[in-house]
Protein backbone atom coordinates (compact mmCIF):
# COMPACT_ATOMS: atom_id res chain seq x y z
CA MET A 1 11.99 57.38 -19.89
CA ALA A 2 11.47 55.51 -23.39
CA TYR A 3 15.49 54.33 -23.13
CA SER A 4 14.80 52.99 -19.59
CA VAL A 5 11.48 51.10 -19.94
CA SER A 6 13.41 49.47 -22.98
CA SER A 7 16.78 48.24 -21.27
CA LEU A 8 14.57 46.96 -18.63
CA VAL A 9 12.41 44.87 -21.26
CA LYS A 10 15.86 43.66 -22.79
CA PHE A 11 16.75 43.03 -19.00
CA GLY A 12 13.71 41.07 -18.25
CA ILE A 13 14.08 39.04 -21.36
CA ILE A 14 17.90 38.08 -20.74
CA ALA A 15 16.76 37.04 -17.50
CA CYS A 16 13.91 34.68 -18.42
CA LEU A 17 16.30 33.36 -21.43
CA SER A 18 19.18 32.47 -18.55
CA VAL A 19 16.28 30.85 -16.16
CA VAL A 20 15.10 28.47 -19.35
CA VAL A 21 18.58 27.50 -20.29
CA ALA A 22 19.81 27.00 -16.87
CA GLY A 23 16.56 24.43 -16.69
CA CYS A 24 17.63 22.62 -19.98
CA THR A 25 21.21 22.30 -18.57
CA GLY A 26 21.73 19.31 -15.01
CA THR A 27 24.60 17.21 -13.70
CA GLY A 28 24.28 15.28 -16.96
CA ASN A 29 22.87 12.20 -14.89
CA VAL A 30 20.65 10.07 -16.31
CA ARG A 31 17.43 9.90 -14.55
CA PRO A 32 16.13 6.18 -13.74
CA LEU A 33 13.19 5.15 -14.28
CA SER A 34 10.74 4.93 -10.94
CA PHE A 35 8.41 2.31 -9.89
CA ALA A 36 5.13 2.89 -8.39
CA PRO A 37 4.73 0.64 -4.93
CA VAL A 38 2.86 -2.73 -5.98
CA SER A 39 -0.06 -3.61 -3.70
CA THR A 40 -0.06 -7.07 -2.94
CA PRO A 41 -1.83 -9.69 -1.22
CA LYS A 42 -0.90 -10.26 2.31
CA ILE A 43 0.17 -14.45 2.55
CA ALA A 44 0.48 -16.33 6.30
CA GLY A 45 3.42 -16.93 8.16
CA PRO A 46 6.16 -14.62 7.57
CA LYS A 47 6.20 -11.63 6.18
CA PHE A 48 6.53 -11.11 2.64
CA ALA A 49 6.85 -8.32 -0.22
CA GLY A 50 4.75 -10.04 -2.78
CA SER A 51 2.50 -13.02 -3.09
CA ASP A 52 3.81 -17.14 -3.47
CA SER A 53 2.74 -16.05 -7.39
CA ILE A 54 4.61 -13.28 -7.33
CA LEU A 55 8.42 -14.75 -5.63
CA ALA A 56 7.22 -17.88 -7.99
CA SER A 57 7.79 -15.87 -10.96
CA LEU A 58 11.15 -14.85 -10.52
CA ASN A 59 11.26 -18.72 -11.89
CA GLY A 60 13.98 -19.75 -8.71
CA GLY A 61 15.83 -16.99 -9.17
CA ILE A 62 19.34 -16.10 -11.05
CA LEU A 63 21.57 -18.39 -8.62
CA PRO A 64 22.88 -21.21 -9.58
CA GLN A 65 20.57 -23.95 -9.42
CA ASP A 66 22.73 -26.80 -8.19
CA ALA A 67 23.30 -23.98 -5.31
CA ALA A 68 20.60 -22.70 -4.70
CA GLY A 69 18.31 -26.05 -4.01
CA SER A 70 20.66 -26.64 -1.12
CA LEU A 71 18.73 -23.61 0.71
CA THR A 72 15.89 -24.66 3.39
CA GLY A 73 12.28 -23.24 1.98
CA PRO A 74 12.55 -20.67 4.31
CA ASP A 75 16.35 -19.16 3.12
CA ARG A 76 15.04 -19.82 -0.75
CA LEU A 77 12.39 -17.94 0.20
CA ARG A 78 15.02 -15.04 2.01
CA SER A 79 16.86 -15.23 -1.37
CA LEU A 80 13.79 -14.89 -3.60
CA GLU A 81 12.55 -11.69 -1.69
CA ALA A 82 15.75 -9.98 -1.42
CA GLU A 83 15.74 -10.27 -5.45
CA TYR A 84 11.94 -8.77 -5.39
CA GLN A 85 13.18 -5.91 -3.18
CA ALA A 86 16.36 -5.20 -5.32
CA LEU A 87 14.26 -5.14 -8.43
CA GLU A 88 10.78 -3.85 -7.46
CA LYS A 89 12.81 -0.70 -4.93
CA ALA A 90 16.37 -0.27 -4.27
CA PRO A 91 17.96 2.35 -6.24
CA LEU A 92 21.69 1.67 -8.16
CA GLY A 93 23.93 0.76 -6.13
CA GLN A 94 21.67 -0.38 -2.95
CA VAL A 95 22.33 -3.66 -1.74
CA ILE A 96 19.83 -6.30 -0.77
CA ALA A 97 20.71 -8.53 2.38
CA TRP A 98 19.39 -11.92 3.13
CA LYS A 99 21.00 -13.74 6.38
CA SER A 100 19.41 -17.76 6.80
CA GLN A 101 18.41 -17.90 10.55
CA SER A 102 19.99 -21.43 10.88
CA SER A 103 22.26 -22.44 8.20
CA GLY A 104 25.01 -19.79 8.04
CA ALA A 105 23.42 -19.05 4.19
CA ALA A 106 23.97 -15.69 3.40
CA GLY A 107 23.49 -13.32 0.20
CA GLU A 108 23.97 -10.02 -0.88
CA VAL A 109 21.41 -8.38 -4.12
CA SER A 110 21.69 -4.76 -6.23
CA ALA A 111 20.13 -3.74 -9.59
CA GLY A 112 21.29 -1.92 -11.73
CA THR A 113 19.39 1.18 -13.70
CA PRO A 114 15.94 0.19 -15.01
CA TYR A 115 15.82 0.50 -18.60
CA GLN A 116 12.36 -0.05 -20.88
CA VAL A 117 12.13 -3.19 -23.48
CA GLY A 118 8.90 -2.44 -25.28
CA GLN A 119 6.53 -0.98 -22.55
CA GLN A 120 7.90 -2.87 -19.49
CA ASN A 121 10.64 -2.04 -17.28
CA CYS A 122 13.28 -3.83 -16.74
CA ARG A 123 16.18 -4.17 -14.76
CA GLN A 124 20.09 -6.19 -14.56
CA TYR A 125 20.69 -7.38 -10.98
CA THR A 126 23.59 -9.89 -9.84
CA HIS A 127 22.90 -12.19 -6.55
CA THR A 128 26.16 -13.35 -4.42
CA ALA A 129 25.36 -15.60 -1.65
CA THR A 130 27.63 -18.02 0.82
CA ILE A 131 25.74 -21.51 0.76
CA ARG A 132 27.08 -24.39 2.23
CA GLY A 133 30.41 -22.40 2.92
CA LEU A 134 30.82 -21.46 -0.84
CA PRO A 135 30.55 -18.83 -2.73
CA VAL A 136 28.24 -18.20 -5.38
CA LYS A 137 27.19 -16.16 -7.73
CA GLY A 138 23.94 -15.24 -10.54
CA GLN A 139 23.76 -12.48 -12.50
CA GLY A 140 21.05 -11.72 -14.74
CA ALA A 141 17.84 -9.32 -16.03
CA ALA A 142 13.96 -9.10 -15.63
CA CYS A 143 11.34 -7.17 -16.94
CA ARG A 144 7.95 -6.32 -14.80
CA ASN A 145 4.90 -7.79 -15.72
CA SER A 146 1.39 -5.88 -14.96
CA ASP A 147 0.71 -7.38 -12.03
CA GLY A 148 3.83 -5.68 -10.06
CA SER A 149 5.77 -9.49 -10.43
CA TRP A 150 9.29 -9.56 -12.02
CA THR A 151 10.46 -12.83 -14.98
CA PRO A 152 14.41 -12.89 -15.82
CA LEU A 153 15.08 -12.84 -19.32
CA SER A 154 16.36 -16.19 -20.51
């Protein structure tokens, strides 16, 4: 009987170690940071993810200013909203698209894997667009502020 209890204990220990070791190994994928939803005040007019101040903190976005400056006000807001949504919520590889309702301008924003700089969550991102029939592209990085806004890095 002592022999079978000893074998049972050894088997139990081996089984527990196997479970622990299996939990320590993985696919090798890095888990990106996740961001909690931001509750923001509602604004009048079209539905945007954030308030004017949250979109304003993007400092005009990362599209070249000469191209972005030719967008109408609503189209400019659509492009900034796409940047905000990509930075705030989009998983790696997901594209956030926007399209003008009047001028034919359109664009797509994609953000990279979140990372930390000090205590701030940051992401690199790319914004490609067609404005007045010409392709434009902006690339940069932004860090999330405590109020839920994002500020591009210079």
